[in-house]
Amino acid sequence: MIAGTHTHIQTADERILPNGSAYITDLGMTGIVDSVIGIDPKICLERVRRQIMYHMETAADNKKGQMSGVIAEIDADTGRAVSILRI
């Protein structure tokens, strides 16, 4: 299984590579949807606008969350991926 993450936006390029590895470029983010990587956007915007360090507060608990990832089926005998599914 080869999985990367950085941009926090799940890619749609999951596939089985020729030698049997399940692959996706970016798994995506798990966290609050209306946030900046889980942080209250207002604080992040003020930090950029004023160029002043602010204490980073997590986004409100009552906001909608999301979960991204993959489910990969691996053949136990060969160790090769059989399938990969984005969630």
N, C-alpha and C. Protein backbone atom coordinates (compact mmCIF):
# COMPACT_ATOMS: atom_id res chain seq x y z
N MET A 1 0.86 -1.18 0.00
CA MET A 1 0.00 0.00 0.00
C MET A 1 0.89 1.22 0.00
N ILE A 2 0.67 2.12 -0.93
CA ILE A 2 1.40 3.38 -1.02
C ILE A 2 0.36 4.50 -0.97
N ALA A 3 0.43 5.33 0.07
CA ALA A 3 -0.53 6.41 0.23
C ALA A 3 0.19 7.66 0.67
N GLY A 4 -0.15 8.77 0.05
CA GLY A 4 0.42 10.05 0.44
C GLY A 4 -0.66 10.97 0.96
N THR A 5 -0.22 12.03 1.63
CA THR A 5 -1.15 13.08 2.03
C THR A 5 -0.38 14.36 2.25
N HIS A 6 -0.90 15.43 1.72
CA HIS A 6 -0.32 16.74 1.96
C HIS A 6 -1.34 17.84 1.68
N THR A 7 -2.04 17.75 0.56
CA THR A 7 -2.92 18.86 0.17
C THR A 7 -4.25 18.85 0.89
N HIS A 8 -4.58 17.75 1.53
CA HIS A 8 -5.82 17.62 2.29
C HIS A 8 -7.06 17.51 1.41
N ILE A 9 -6.86 17.41 0.12
CA ILE A 9 -7.95 17.17 -0.80
C ILE A 9 -7.71 15.80 -1.42
N GLN A 10 -8.64 14.89 -1.22
CA GLN A 10 -8.45 13.53 -1.72
C GLN A 10 -8.37 13.52 -3.24
N THR A 11 -7.39 12.79 -3.76
CA THR A 11 -7.25 12.65 -5.21
C THR A 11 -8.09 11.47 -5.68
N ALA A 12 -8.35 11.44 -6.96
CA ALA A 12 -9.16 10.36 -7.53
C ALA A 12 -8.28 9.49 -8.43
N ASP A 13 -7.06 9.21 -7.95
CA ASP A 13 -6.13 8.44 -8.80
C ASP A 13 -5.76 7.09 -8.17
N GLU A 14 -6.66 6.55 -7.34
CA GLU A 14 -6.36 5.26 -6.74
C GLU A 14 -6.28 4.20 -7.83
N ARG A 15 -5.32 3.29 -7.66
CA ARG A 15 -5.15 2.22 -8.65
C ARG A 15 -4.24 1.13 -8.07
N ILE A 16 -4.22 0.02 -8.76
CA ILE A 16 -3.31 -1.06 -8.43
C ILE A 16 -2.13 -0.93 -9.40
N LEU A 17 -0.93 -0.79 -8.88
CA LEU A 17 0.27 -0.66 -9.72
C LEU A 17 0.66 -2.03 -10.30
N PRO A 18 1.47 -2.04 -11.36
CA PRO A 18 1.81 -3.30 -12.04
C PRO A 18 2.34 -4.42 -11.14
N ASN A 19 3.08 -4.09 -10.10
CA ASN A 19 3.63 -5.13 -9.22
C ASN A 19 2.73 -5.44 -8.02
N GLY A 20 1.50 -4.91 -8.03
CA GLY A 20 0.52 -5.29 -7.02
C GLY A 20 0.39 -4.37 -5.82
N SER A 21 0.95 -3.16 -5.89
CA SER A 21 0.79 -2.20 -4.79
C SER A 21 -0.48 -1.38 -5.01
N ALA A 22 -1.26 -1.19 -3.93
CA ALA A 22 -2.40 -0.26 -3.98
C ALA A 22 -1.81 1.14 -3.83
N TYR A 23 -2.26 2.10 -4.63
CA TYR A 23 -1.67 3.44 -4.66
C TYR A 23 -2.75 4.52 -4.70
N ILE A 24 -2.52 5.61 -3.97
CA ILE A 24 -3.30 6.84 -4.10
C ILE A 24 -2.35 7.99 -3.75
N THR A 25 -2.43 9.09 -4.49
CA THR A 25 -1.53 10.21 -4.25
C THR A 25 -1.84 10.91 -2.95
N ASP A 26 -3.11 11.18 -2.67
CA ASP A 26 -3.48 11.89 -1.45
C ASP A 26 -4.72 11.28 -0.84
N LEU A 27 -4.61 10.83 0.41
CA LEU A 27 -5.75 10.23 1.11
C LEU A 27 -6.84 11.23 1.43
N GLY A 28 -6.47 12.50 1.57
CA GLY A 28 -7.44 13.52 1.96
C GLY A 28 -7.40 13.78 3.45
N MET A 29 -8.29 14.64 3.92
CA MET A 29 -8.29 15.09 5.31
C MET A 29 -9.42 14.44 6.10
N THR A 30 -9.15 14.21 7.37
CA THR A 30 -10.19 13.84 8.32
C THR A 30 -10.25 14.97 9.34
N GLY A 31 -11.40 15.59 9.48
CA GLY A 31 -11.53 16.71 10.41
C GLY A 31 -12.74 17.57 10.10
N ILE A 32 -12.75 18.78 10.65
CA ILE A 32 -13.84 19.73 10.46
C ILE A 32 -13.81 20.27 9.04
N VAL A 33 -14.95 20.22 8.35
CA VAL A 33 -15.05 20.66 6.96
C VAL A 33 -14.76 22.16 6.83
N ASP A 34 -15.45 22.98 7.59
CA ASP A 34 -15.29 24.43 7.50
C ASP A 34 -14.18 24.90 8.44
N SER A 35 -12.95 24.53 8.08
CA SER A 35 -11.80 24.88 8.91
C SER A 35 -10.56 24.98 8.01
N VAL A 36 -9.49 25.42 8.60
CA VAL A 36 -8.19 25.42 7.93
C VAL A 36 -7.37 24.36 8.66
N ILE A 37 -7.42 23.15 8.12
CA ILE A 37 -6.78 21.98 8.73
C ILE A 37 -7.19 21.82 10.19
N GLY A 38 -8.48 22.02 10.46
CA GLY A 38 -9.01 21.84 11.80
C GLY A 38 -9.00 23.07 12.69
N ILE A 39 -8.43 24.16 12.21
CA ILE A 39 -8.32 25.41 12.98
C ILE A 39 -9.40 26.38 12.53
N ASP A 40 -9.89 27.21 13.47
CA ASP A 40 -10.90 28.23 13.17
C ASP A 40 -10.37 29.14 12.06
N PRO A 41 -11.07 29.24 10.92
CA PRO A 41 -10.60 30.04 9.79
C PRO A 41 -10.38 31.52 10.12
N LYS A 42 -11.21 32.09 11.01
CA LYS A 42 -11.05 33.51 11.35
C LYS A 42 -9.66 33.78 11.93
N ILE A 43 -9.21 32.89 12.78
CA ILE A 43 -7.88 33.05 13.39
C ILE A 43 -6.79 32.95 12.33
N CYS A 44 -6.92 31.99 11.45
CA CYS A 44 -5.92 31.82 10.39
C CYS A 44 -5.86 33.03 9.47
N LEU A 45 -7.01 33.57 9.11
CA LEU A 45 -7.05 34.74 8.23
C LEU A 45 -6.43 35.97 8.90
N GLU A 46 -6.74 36.18 10.17
CA GLU A 46 -6.15 37.30 10.91
C GLU A 46 -4.63 37.14 11.04
N ARG A 47 -4.20 35.92 11.25
CA ARG A 47 -2.77 35.66 11.36
C ARG A 47 -2.04 36.04 10.07
N VAL A 48 -2.61 35.70 8.93
CA VAL A 48 -2.01 36.04 7.65
C VAL A 48 -2.11 37.54 7.39
N ARG A 49 -3.28 38.11 7.65
CA ARG A 49 -3.51 39.52 7.37
C ARG A 49 -2.61 40.44 8.19
N ARG A 50 -2.47 40.14 9.48
CA ARG A 50 -1.69 41.01 10.38
C ARG A 50 -0.24 40.57 10.55
N GLN A 51 0.08 39.38 10.07
CA GLN A 51 1.43 38.83 10.24
C GLN A 51 1.84 38.79 11.71
N ILE A 52 0.88 38.40 12.55
CA ILE A 52 1.08 38.27 13.99
C ILE A 52 0.72 36.84 14.38
N MET A 53 1.52 36.25 15.26
CA MET A 53 1.22 34.90 15.74
C MET A 53 0.01 34.95 16.67
N TYR A 54 -0.94 34.08 16.42
CA TYR A 54 -2.13 33.95 17.26
C TYR A 54 -2.15 32.55 17.83
N HIS A 55 -2.79 32.40 18.99
CA HIS A 55 -3.03 31.06 19.53
C HIS A 55 -4.04 30.39 18.62
N MET A 56 -3.70 29.23 18.11
CA MET A 56 -4.58 28.53 17.18
C MET A 56 -5.64 27.76 17.94
N GLU A 57 -6.90 28.11 17.73
CA GLU A 57 -8.04 27.45 18.38
C GLU A 57 -8.66 26.47 17.40
N THR A 58 -9.02 25.31 17.89
CA THR A 58 -9.68 24.36 17.01
C THR A 58 -11.04 24.90 16.59
N ALA A 59 -11.51 24.47 15.44
CA ALA A 59 -12.82 24.88 14.95
C ALA A 59 -13.89 24.36 15.90
N ALA A 60 -15.04 25.01 15.91
CA ALA A 60 -16.14 24.67 16.83
C ALA A 60 -16.51 23.20 16.72
N ASP A 61 -16.82 22.62 17.86
CA ASP A 61 -17.17 21.20 17.91
C ASP A 61 -18.46 20.86 17.17
N ASN A 62 -19.33 21.83 17.01
CA ASN A 62 -20.63 21.53 16.41
C ASN A 62 -20.63 21.64 14.88
N LYS A 63 -19.47 21.80 14.29
CA LYS A 63 -19.41 21.88 12.83
C LYS A 63 -19.35 20.48 12.23
N LYS A 64 -19.71 20.41 10.97
CA LYS A 64 -19.73 19.14 10.24
C LYS A 64 -18.30 18.63 10.01
N GLY A 65 -18.12 17.34 10.24
CA GLY A 65 -16.81 16.73 10.02
C GLY A 65 -16.80 15.88 8.76
N GLN A 66 -15.62 15.48 8.36
CA GLN A 66 -15.47 14.61 7.20
C GLN A 66 -14.38 13.59 7.48
N MET A 67 -14.45 12.47 6.81
CA MET A 67 -13.40 11.47 6.91
C MET A 67 -13.05 11.00 5.52
N SER A 68 -11.79 11.04 5.19
CA SER A 68 -11.32 10.57 3.89
C SER A 68 -10.31 9.46 4.12
N GLY A 69 -10.19 8.58 3.16
CA GLY A 69 -9.22 7.50 3.25
C GLY A 69 -9.47 6.47 2.17
N VAL A 70 -8.90 5.30 2.35
CA VAL A 70 -9.10 4.19 1.41
C VAL A 70 -9.26 2.89 2.18
N ILE A 71 -9.89 1.96 1.51
CA ILE A 71 -9.93 0.57 1.98
C ILE A 71 -9.22 -0.23 0.89
N ALA A 72 -8.17 -0.93 1.30
CA ALA A 72 -7.43 -1.75 0.35
C ALA A 72 -7.57 -3.21 0.75
N GLU A 73 -7.87 -4.06 -0.22
CA GLU A 73 -7.93 -5.50 0.00
C GLU A 73 -6.60 -6.09 -0.47
N ILE A 74 -5.94 -6.82 0.42
CA ILE A 74 -4.64 -7.39 0.13
C ILE A 74 -4.73 -8.92 0.17
N ASP A 75 -4.19 -9.57 -0.83
CA ASP A 75 -4.15 -11.03 -0.87
C ASP A 75 -3.13 -11.50 0.17
N ALA A 76 -3.58 -12.26 1.16
CA ALA A 76 -2.71 -12.71 2.26
C ALA A 76 -1.59 -13.63 1.78
N ASP A 77 -1.81 -14.37 0.72
CA ASP A 77 -0.80 -15.31 0.23
C ASP A 77 0.31 -14.61 -0.56
N THR A 78 -0.07 -13.64 -1.39
CA THR A 78 0.92 -12.99 -2.25
C THR A 78 1.39 -11.64 -1.72
N GLY A 79 0.59 -11.03 -0.83
CA GLY A 79 0.91 -9.69 -0.33
C GLY A 79 0.59 -8.60 -1.34
N ARG A 80 -0.04 -8.96 -2.43
CA ARG A 80 -0.41 -7.98 -3.47
C ARG A 80 -1.82 -7.46 -3.26
N ALA A 81 -2.02 -6.23 -3.65
CA ALA A 81 -3.34 -5.61 -3.53
C ALA A 81 -4.29 -6.22 -4.55
N VAL A 82 -5.50 -6.46 -4.10
CA VAL A 82 -6.57 -6.97 -4.97
C VAL A 82 -7.47 -5.82 -5.40
N SER A 83 -7.70 -4.87 -4.47
CA SER A 83 -8.56 -3.72 -4.79
C SER A 83 -8.22 -2.55 -3.87
N ILE A 84 -8.63 -1.37 -4.30
CA ILE A 84 -8.51 -0.16 -3.49
C ILE A 84 -9.76 0.66 -3.74
N LEU A 85 -10.35 1.16 -2.66
CA LEU A 85 -11.60 1.91 -2.74
C LEU A 85 -11.48 3.20 -1.94
N ARG A 86 -11.75 4.34 -2.58
CA ARG A 86 -11.75 5.62 -1.86
C ARG A 86 -12.96 5.72 -0.98
N ILE A 87 -12.80 6.27 0.24
CA ILE A 87 -13.94 6.56 1.11
C ILE A 87 -13.82 8.00 1.57
